[in-house]
């Protein structure tokens, strides 16, 4: 395979993407969990918002995994692998809807920050496709975090 990038650089980018994939999958699962378990006076609004968000995340994890494969590396796909790679923390027990909103917002911001780091690495090896993918992901994560914060007010 010759994509015009050094294999060492592609491996570094794939590793970064693998971490973002794990974070994205955990965020997908967390959002789906909150969709199922949200309660309170804003139930319908939040239930529908969380559904929109996890639906978008389902496509995102596929896009990220396919980019890793395009670079020639195996995409992580088990909970064991994701557990090793993720920085998204789980919250156990019953939490109220405001805590859900706050928790999801922080996770979206975290993935946006990590994506910026990987864009820097991708740019160094002239991997515009990965930079483009992550730029779009940052836009989505930042907008979603803003919407979650605004819903809290």
N, C-alpha and C. Protein backbone atom coordinates (compact mmCIF):
# COMPACT_ATOMS: atom_id res chain seq x y z
N UNK A 1 0.85 -1.18 0.00
CA UNK A 1 0.00 0.00 0.00
C UNK A 1 0.90 1.24 0.00
N UNK A 2 0.56 2.18 -0.86
CA UNK A 2 1.33 3.42 -0.94
C UNK A 2 0.36 4.59 -1.01
N UNK A 3 0.12 5.20 0.14
CA UNK A 3 -0.78 6.36 0.22
C UNK A 3 -0.01 7.67 0.23
N UNK A 4 1.32 7.60 0.08
CA UNK A 4 2.13 8.81 0.08
C UNK A 4 2.47 9.31 1.47
N UNK A 5 2.32 8.44 2.47
CA UNK A 5 2.64 8.81 3.85
C UNK A 5 3.49 7.69 4.43
N UNK A 6 4.38 8.06 5.35
CA UNK A 6 5.23 7.06 6.00
C UNK A 6 4.39 6.18 6.92
N UNK A 7 4.73 4.88 6.94
CA UNK A 7 3.96 3.93 7.75
C UNK A 7 4.00 4.29 9.23
N UNK A 8 5.15 4.76 9.71
CA UNK A 8 5.25 5.12 11.13
C UNK A 8 4.26 6.24 11.47
N UNK A 9 4.16 7.22 10.61
CA UNK A 9 3.22 8.32 10.83
C UNK A 9 1.79 7.85 10.75
N UNK A 10 1.51 6.97 9.79
CA UNK A 10 0.14 6.45 9.67
C UNK A 10 -0.22 5.63 10.91
N UNK A 11 0.74 4.91 11.46
CA UNK A 11 0.49 4.12 12.67
C UNK A 11 0.16 5.05 13.84
N UNK A 12 0.89 6.14 13.96
CA UNK A 12 0.64 7.11 15.03
C UNK A 12 -0.76 7.71 14.88
N UNK A 13 -1.14 8.06 13.66
CA UNK A 13 -2.47 8.60 13.41
C UNK A 13 -3.53 7.54 13.72
N UNK A 14 -3.30 6.30 13.28
CA UNK A 14 -4.27 5.22 13.54
C UNK A 14 -4.43 4.99 15.04
N UNK A 15 -3.35 5.09 15.79
CA UNK A 15 -3.44 4.95 17.24
C UNK A 15 -4.30 6.07 17.85
N UNK A 16 -4.09 7.28 17.37
CA UNK A 16 -4.90 8.40 17.85
C UNK A 16 -6.36 8.22 17.48
N UNK A 17 -6.61 7.78 16.25
CA UNK A 17 -7.97 7.52 15.82
C UNK A 17 -8.61 6.39 16.64
N UNK A 18 -7.81 5.40 17.02
CA UNK A 18 -8.34 4.30 17.83
C UNK A 18 -8.82 4.80 19.19
N UNK A 19 -8.08 5.74 19.77
CA UNK A 19 -8.50 6.33 21.04
C UNK A 19 -9.78 7.14 20.87
N UNK A 20 -9.86 7.89 19.78
CA UNK A 20 -11.07 8.66 19.50
C UNK A 20 -12.24 7.73 19.23
N UNK A 21 -11.98 6.61 18.54
CA UNK A 21 -13.03 5.63 18.30
C UNK A 21 -13.57 5.07 19.61
N UNK A 22 -12.66 4.71 20.51
CA UNK A 22 -13.08 4.18 21.82
C UNK A 22 -13.90 5.23 22.58
N UNK A 23 -13.42 6.46 22.61
CA UNK A 23 -14.17 7.52 23.28
C UNK A 23 -15.54 7.72 22.64
N UNK A 24 -15.58 7.69 21.32
CA UNK A 24 -16.83 7.90 20.60
C UNK A 24 -17.81 6.76 20.86
N UNK A 25 -17.29 5.55 20.92
CA UNK A 25 -18.19 4.42 21.18
C UNK A 25 -18.74 4.48 22.60
N UNK A 26 -17.87 4.84 23.55
CA UNK A 26 -18.35 4.97 24.93
C UNK A 26 -19.36 6.10 25.04
N UNK A 27 -19.14 7.19 24.33
CA UNK A 27 -20.10 8.29 24.34
C UNK A 27 -21.41 7.86 23.69
N UNK A 28 -21.33 7.09 22.62
CA UNK A 28 -22.53 6.55 21.99
C UNK A 28 -23.33 5.72 23.00
N UNK A 29 -22.64 4.81 23.69
CA UNK A 29 -23.29 3.94 24.66
C UNK A 29 -23.89 4.75 25.82
N UNK A 30 -23.12 5.73 26.30
CA UNK A 30 -23.59 6.57 27.41
C UNK A 30 -24.83 7.36 27.00
N UNK A 31 -24.82 7.90 25.79
CA UNK A 31 -25.96 8.68 25.30
C UNK A 31 -27.19 7.79 25.14
N UNK A 32 -26.98 6.59 24.65
CA UNK A 32 -28.07 5.64 24.50
C UNK A 32 -28.64 5.27 25.88
N UNK A 33 -27.77 5.05 26.84
CA UNK A 33 -28.19 4.76 28.21
C UNK A 33 -29.05 5.90 28.76
N UNK A 34 -28.60 7.12 28.57
CA UNK A 34 -29.36 8.27 29.08
C UNK A 34 -30.70 8.40 28.35
N UNK A 35 -30.72 8.11 27.07
CA UNK A 35 -31.97 8.11 26.30
C UNK A 35 -32.98 7.15 26.93
N UNK A 36 -32.52 5.98 27.30
CA UNK A 36 -33.41 4.98 27.90
C UNK A 36 -33.86 5.38 29.30
N UNK A 37 -33.00 6.02 30.07
CA UNK A 37 -33.23 6.18 31.50
C UNK A 37 -33.53 7.58 31.98
N UNK A 38 -33.62 8.55 31.07
CA UNK A 38 -33.93 9.91 31.50
C UNK A 38 -35.36 9.94 32.05
N UNK A 39 -35.55 10.77 33.07
CA UNK A 39 -36.87 10.95 33.69
C UNK A 39 -37.05 12.42 34.02
N UNK A 40 -38.27 12.79 34.28
CA UNK A 40 -38.54 14.14 34.75
C UNK A 40 -39.39 14.94 33.79
N UNK A 41 -39.59 16.22 34.14
CA UNK A 41 -40.51 17.07 33.37
C UNK A 41 -40.04 17.32 31.93
N UNK A 42 -38.74 17.17 31.67
CA UNK A 42 -38.24 17.38 30.30
C UNK A 42 -37.99 16.05 29.59
N UNK A 43 -38.65 14.99 30.05
CA UNK A 43 -38.42 13.66 29.51
C UNK A 43 -38.47 13.63 27.97
N UNK A 44 -39.57 14.06 27.40
CA UNK A 44 -39.75 13.95 25.95
C UNK A 44 -38.66 14.71 25.20
N UNK A 45 -38.40 15.93 25.61
CA UNK A 45 -37.38 16.76 24.97
C UNK A 45 -36.00 16.08 25.02
N UNK A 46 -35.61 15.62 26.20
CA UNK A 46 -34.29 15.02 26.36
C UNK A 46 -34.22 13.64 25.71
N UNK A 47 -35.27 12.86 25.84
CA UNK A 47 -35.32 11.54 25.21
C UNK A 47 -35.08 11.67 23.70
N UNK A 48 -35.75 12.61 23.07
CA UNK A 48 -35.59 12.83 21.63
C UNK A 48 -34.22 13.41 21.29
N UNK A 49 -33.73 14.34 22.09
CA UNK A 49 -32.41 14.91 21.83
C UNK A 49 -31.33 13.85 21.93
N UNK A 50 -31.38 13.03 22.97
CA UNK A 50 -30.39 11.97 23.12
C UNK A 50 -30.44 10.98 21.96
N UNK A 51 -31.66 10.70 21.47
CA UNK A 51 -31.78 9.79 20.33
C UNK A 51 -31.10 10.38 19.09
N UNK A 52 -31.30 11.65 18.83
CA UNK A 52 -30.62 12.31 17.71
C UNK A 52 -29.11 12.20 17.86
N UNK A 53 -28.64 12.40 19.08
CA UNK A 53 -27.20 12.38 19.32
C UNK A 53 -26.61 10.98 19.16
N UNK A 54 -27.25 9.95 19.73
CA UNK A 54 -26.65 8.63 19.59
C UNK A 54 -26.76 8.11 18.16
N UNK A 55 -27.78 8.53 17.43
CA UNK A 55 -27.89 8.14 16.03
C UNK A 55 -26.74 8.73 15.22
N UNK A 56 -26.42 9.99 15.49
CA UNK A 56 -25.29 10.62 14.81
C UNK A 56 -23.98 9.93 15.19
N UNK A 57 -23.84 9.58 16.46
CA UNK A 57 -22.61 8.92 16.93
C UNK A 57 -22.43 7.54 16.30
N UNK A 58 -23.52 6.83 16.01
CA UNK A 58 -23.41 5.52 15.37
C UNK A 58 -22.72 5.64 14.02
N UNK A 59 -23.06 6.64 13.25
CA UNK A 59 -22.40 6.85 11.96
C UNK A 59 -20.95 7.28 12.16
N UNK A 60 -20.71 8.09 13.18
CA UNK A 60 -19.35 8.58 13.43
C UNK A 60 -18.39 7.45 13.76
N UNK A 61 -18.81 6.51 14.60
CA UNK A 61 -17.90 5.43 14.96
C UNK A 61 -17.57 4.59 13.73
N UNK A 62 -18.52 4.42 12.83
CA UNK A 62 -18.26 3.69 11.60
C UNK A 62 -17.25 4.44 10.73
N UNK A 63 -17.42 5.74 10.59
CA UNK A 63 -16.50 6.55 9.77
C UNK A 63 -15.08 6.51 10.34
N UNK A 64 -14.95 6.61 11.64
CA UNK A 64 -13.63 6.60 12.27
C UNK A 64 -12.96 5.24 12.10
N UNK A 65 -13.72 4.18 12.35
CA UNK A 65 -13.16 2.83 12.18
C UNK A 65 -12.73 2.58 10.74
N UNK A 66 -13.54 3.03 9.79
CA UNK A 66 -13.18 2.84 8.39
C UNK A 66 -11.94 3.64 8.00
N UNK A 67 -11.73 4.78 8.63
CA UNK A 67 -10.51 5.55 8.34
C UNK A 67 -9.28 4.79 8.86
N UNK A 68 -9.39 4.19 10.04
CA UNK A 68 -8.29 3.38 10.57
C UNK A 68 -7.97 2.26 9.60
N UNK A 69 -9.00 1.60 9.09
CA UNK A 69 -8.80 0.50 8.14
C UNK A 69 -8.18 1.01 6.84
N UNK A 70 -8.61 2.18 6.39
CA UNK A 70 -8.05 2.78 5.17
C UNK A 70 -6.55 3.01 5.31
N UNK A 71 -6.12 3.37 6.51
CA UNK A 71 -4.69 3.59 6.76
C UNK A 71 -3.92 2.27 6.87
N UNK A 72 -4.64 1.14 6.87
CA UNK A 72 -3.99 -0.16 6.86
C UNK A 72 -3.86 -0.83 8.21
N UNK A 73 -4.63 -0.38 9.19
CA UNK A 73 -4.52 -0.93 10.54
C UNK A 73 -5.87 -1.47 10.99
N UNK A 74 -5.82 -2.38 11.93
CA UNK A 74 -7.04 -2.98 12.48
C UNK A 74 -7.69 -2.00 13.44
N UNK A 75 -8.98 -1.82 13.27
CA UNK A 75 -9.74 -0.95 14.17
C UNK A 75 -10.12 -1.74 15.42
N UNK A 76 -9.96 -1.16 16.60
CA UNK A 76 -10.42 -1.85 17.81
C UNK A 76 -11.94 -1.99 17.75
N UNK A 77 -12.43 -3.10 18.31
CA UNK A 77 -13.86 -3.30 18.23
C UNK A 77 -14.45 -4.11 19.36
N UNK A 78 -13.66 -4.30 20.42
CA UNK A 78 -14.20 -5.04 21.56
C UNK A 78 -14.23 -4.11 22.78
N UNK A 79 -15.08 -4.47 23.75
CA UNK A 79 -15.13 -3.67 24.97
C UNK A 79 -13.79 -3.69 25.69
N UNK A 80 -13.09 -4.80 25.63
CA UNK A 80 -11.78 -4.89 26.27
C UNK A 80 -10.81 -3.88 25.64
N UNK A 81 -10.80 -3.83 24.32
CA UNK A 81 -9.93 -2.86 23.64
C UNK A 81 -10.37 -1.43 23.93
N UNK A 82 -11.67 -1.19 23.85
CA UNK A 82 -12.18 0.15 24.11
C UNK A 82 -11.89 0.60 25.53
N UNK A 83 -12.02 -0.30 26.50
CA UNK A 83 -11.73 0.04 27.90
C UNK A 83 -10.29 0.50 28.08
N UNK A 84 -9.37 -0.10 27.34
CA UNK A 84 -7.96 0.29 27.44
C UNK A 84 -7.70 1.66 26.80
N UNK A 85 -8.50 2.00 25.81
CA UNK A 85 -8.23 3.19 25.01
C UNK A 85 -9.02 4.43 25.40
N UNK A 86 -10.14 4.26 26.07
CA UNK A 86 -11.03 5.40 26.30
C UNK A 86 -10.59 6.26 27.48
N UNK A 87 -10.96 7.52 27.39
CA UNK A 87 -10.78 8.43 28.52
C UNK A 87 -12.14 8.90 29.05
N UNK A 88 -13.21 8.40 28.46
CA UNK A 88 -14.56 8.75 28.89
C UNK A 88 -14.91 7.94 30.13
N UNK A 89 -15.29 8.63 31.18
CA UNK A 89 -15.59 7.96 32.45
C UNK A 89 -17.05 7.53 32.49
N UNK A 90 -17.28 6.40 33.12
CA UNK A 90 -18.65 5.94 33.34
C UNK A 90 -19.18 6.52 34.64
N UNK A 91 -20.46 6.78 34.66
CA UNK A 91 -21.15 7.19 35.88
C UNK A 91 -22.17 6.10 36.17
N UNK A 92 -22.09 5.54 37.35
CA UNK A 92 -23.00 4.47 37.71
C UNK A 92 -24.10 4.99 38.62
N UNK A 93 -25.20 4.26 38.64
CA UNK A 93 -26.31 4.62 39.51
C UNK A 93 -27.26 5.58 38.84
N UNK A 94 -28.27 5.96 39.59
CA UNK A 94 -29.27 6.89 39.09
C UNK A 94 -28.70 8.31 39.12
N UNK A 95 -28.84 8.99 37.99
CA UNK A 95 -28.44 10.41 37.95
C UNK A 95 -29.59 11.20 37.35
N UNK A 96 -29.68 12.45 37.76
CA UNK A 96 -30.77 13.26 37.24
C UNK A 96 -30.43 13.81 35.86
N UNK A 97 -31.42 14.37 35.21
CA UNK A 97 -31.25 14.82 33.83
C UNK A 97 -30.20 15.92 33.70
N UNK A 98 -30.08 16.80 34.68
CA UNK A 98 -29.05 17.84 34.61
C UNK A 98 -27.65 17.24 34.63
N UNK A 99 -27.45 16.24 35.46
CA UNK A 99 -26.14 15.57 35.51
C UNK A 99 -25.86 14.86 34.18
N UNK A 100 -26.89 14.28 33.58
CA UNK A 100 -26.73 13.66 32.27
C UNK A 100 -26.24 14.68 31.24
N UNK A 101 -26.91 15.82 31.21
CA UNK A 101 -26.55 16.88 30.26
C UNK A 101 -25.10 17.34 30.49
N UNK A 102 -24.75 17.56 31.74
CA UNK A 102 -23.40 18.00 32.09
C UNK A 102 -22.37 16.95 31.69
N UNK A 103 -22.65 15.70 32.00
CA UNK A 103 -21.73 14.60 31.71
C UNK A 103 -21.51 14.45 30.21
N UNK A 104 -22.58 14.48 29.43
CA UNK A 104 -22.44 14.36 27.98
C UNK A 104 -21.68 15.55 27.40
N UNK A 105 -21.96 16.75 27.90
CA UNK A 105 -21.25 17.93 27.41
C UNK A 105 -19.75 17.83 27.62
N UNK A 106 -19.34 17.38 28.80
CA UNK A 106 -17.91 17.22 29.08
C UNK A 106 -17.28 16.17 28.18
N UNK A 107 -18.01 15.09 27.91
CA UNK A 107 -17.48 14.05 27.03
C UNK A 107 -17.29 14.56 25.60
N UNK A 108 -18.26 15.32 25.11
CA UNK A 108 -18.13 15.89 23.77
C UNK A 108 -16.94 16.85 23.69
N UNK A 109 -16.77 17.67 24.72
CA UNK A 109 -15.62 18.58 24.74
C UNK A 109 -14.30 17.82 24.77
N UNK A 110 -14.26 16.74 25.52
CA UNK A 110 -13.05 15.92 25.62
C UNK A 110 -12.67 15.32 24.26
N UNK A 111 -13.66 14.82 23.54
CA UNK A 111 -13.37 14.24 22.22
C UNK A 111 -12.94 15.33 21.25
N UNK A 112 -13.52 16.51 21.34
CA UNK A 112 -13.10 17.61 20.47
C UNK A 112 -11.63 17.96 20.73
N UNK A 113 -11.24 18.01 22.00
CA UNK A 113 -9.83 18.32 22.33
C UNK A 113 -8.89 17.24 21.80
N UNK A 114 -9.25 15.98 22.01
CA UNK A 114 -8.41 14.89 21.54
C UNK A 114 -8.31 14.89 20.01
N UNK A 115 -9.41 15.21 19.36
CA UNK A 115 -9.41 15.26 17.89
C UNK A 115 -8.45 16.33 17.38
N UNK A 116 -8.38 17.47 18.07
CA UNK A 116 -7.43 18.52 17.67
C UNK A 116 -5.99 18.01 17.73
N UNK A 117 -5.69 17.24 18.77
CA UNK A 117 -4.33 16.68 18.90
C UNK A 117 -4.00 15.77 17.73
N UNK A 118 -4.94 14.92 17.36
CA UNK A 118 -4.70 13.98 16.27
C UNK A 118 -4.64 14.70 14.93
N UNK A 119 -5.40 15.77 14.76
CA UNK A 119 -5.29 16.57 13.54
C UNK A 119 -3.87 17.10 13.39
N UNK A 120 -3.26 17.53 14.49
CA UNK A 120 -1.88 18.02 14.44
C UNK A 120 -0.94 16.95 13.92
N UNK A 121 -1.10 15.73 14.40
CA UNK A 121 -0.26 14.62 13.96
C UNK A 121 -0.54 14.31 12.49
N UNK A 122 -1.82 14.26 12.11
CA UNK A 122 -2.19 13.97 10.73
C UNK A 122 -1.63 15.04 9.78
N UNK A 123 -1.66 16.28 10.20
CA UNK A 123 -1.15 17.37 9.36
C UNK A 123 0.35 17.23 9.12
N UNK A 124 1.07 16.76 10.13
CA UNK A 124 2.52 16.58 9.98
C UNK A 124 2.87 15.58 8.89
N UNK A 125 2.03 14.57 8.68
CA UNK A 125 2.33 13.56 7.66
C UNK A 125 1.50 13.79 6.39
N UNK A 126 0.85 14.94 6.30
CA UNK A 126 0.03 15.32 5.14
C UNK A 126 -1.14 14.38 4.94
N UNK A 127 -1.77 13.98 6.03
CA UNK A 127 -2.94 13.12 5.99
C UNK A 127 -4.19 14.01 6.06
N UNK A 128 -4.49 14.63 4.93
CA UNK A 128 -5.60 15.56 4.87
C UNK A 128 -6.94 14.87 5.09
N UNK A 129 -7.06 13.61 4.67
CA UNK A 129 -8.34 12.90 4.83
C UNK A 129 -8.69 12.73 6.31
N UNK A 130 -7.71 12.35 7.12
CA UNK A 130 -7.96 12.22 8.55
C UNK A 130 -8.25 13.59 9.16
N UNK A 131 -7.47 14.60 8.77
CA UNK A 131 -7.70 15.95 9.29
C UNK A 131 -9.10 16.43 8.93
N UNK A 132 -9.55 16.15 7.72
CA UNK A 132 -10.88 16.54 7.29
C UNK A 132 -11.96 15.83 8.10
N UNK A 133 -11.80 14.53 8.28
CA UNK A 133 -12.75 13.75 9.08
C UNK A 133 -12.85 14.32 10.50
N UNK A 134 -11.69 14.57 11.10
CA UNK A 134 -11.69 15.04 12.49
C UNK A 134 -12.16 16.48 12.62
N UNK A 135 -11.93 17.30 11.59
CA UNK A 135 -12.46 18.66 11.61
C UNK A 135 -13.98 18.63 11.66
N UNK A 136 -14.57 17.75 10.86
CA UNK A 136 -16.03 17.61 10.89
C UNK A 136 -16.50 17.09 12.24
N UNK A 137 -15.77 16.16 12.83
CA UNK A 137 -16.13 15.62 14.14
C UNK A 137 -16.05 16.72 15.21
N UNK A 138 -15.01 17.54 15.16
CA UNK A 138 -14.88 18.63 16.13
C UNK A 138 -16.09 19.56 16.03
N UNK A 139 -16.47 19.91 14.82
CA UNK A 139 -17.62 20.78 14.62
C UNK A 139 -18.87 20.20 15.28
N UNK A 140 -19.10 18.91 15.07
CA UNK A 140 -20.26 18.25 15.66
C UNK A 140 -20.17 18.20 17.18
N UNK A 141 -19.00 17.83 17.70
CA UNK A 141 -18.86 17.73 19.16
C UNK A 141 -19.00 19.09 19.84
N UNK A 142 -18.41 20.12 19.25
CA UNK A 142 -18.53 21.45 19.84
C UNK A 142 -19.97 21.95 19.82
N UNK A 143 -20.67 21.74 18.70
CA UNK A 143 -22.06 22.18 18.61
C UNK A 143 -22.93 21.41 19.60
N UNK A 144 -22.71 20.10 19.70
CA UNK A 144 -23.49 19.29 20.63
C UNK A 144 -23.23 19.72 22.07
N UNK A 145 -21.97 19.97 22.41
CA UNK A 145 -21.64 20.43 23.77
C UNK A 145 -22.33 21.76 24.07
N UNK A 146 -22.35 22.67 23.10
CA UNK A 146 -23.03 23.94 23.26
C UNK A 146 -24.53 23.72 23.50
N UNK A 147 -25.15 22.84 22.72
CA UNK A 147 -26.58 22.57 22.89
C UNK A 147 -26.88 21.97 24.26
N UNK A 148 -26.02 21.07 24.71
CA UNK A 148 -26.20 20.47 26.03
C UNK A 148 -26.06 21.52 27.13
N UNK A 149 -25.02 22.36 27.03
CA UNK A 149 -24.84 23.44 28.02
C UNK A 149 -26.03 24.38 28.03
N UNK A 150 -26.51 24.73 26.84
CA UNK A 150 -27.65 25.67 26.73
C UNK A 150 -28.91 25.07 27.31
N UNK A 151 -29.09 23.77 27.19
CA UNK A 151 -30.27 23.10 27.74
C UNK A 151 -30.24 23.12 29.26
N UNK A 152 -29.04 23.17 29.83
CA UNK A 152 -28.89 23.21 31.29
C UNK A 152 -29.34 24.55 31.89
N UNK A 153 -29.26 25.61 31.11
CA UNK A 153 -29.57 26.94 31.66
C UNK A 153 -31.04 27.18 31.82
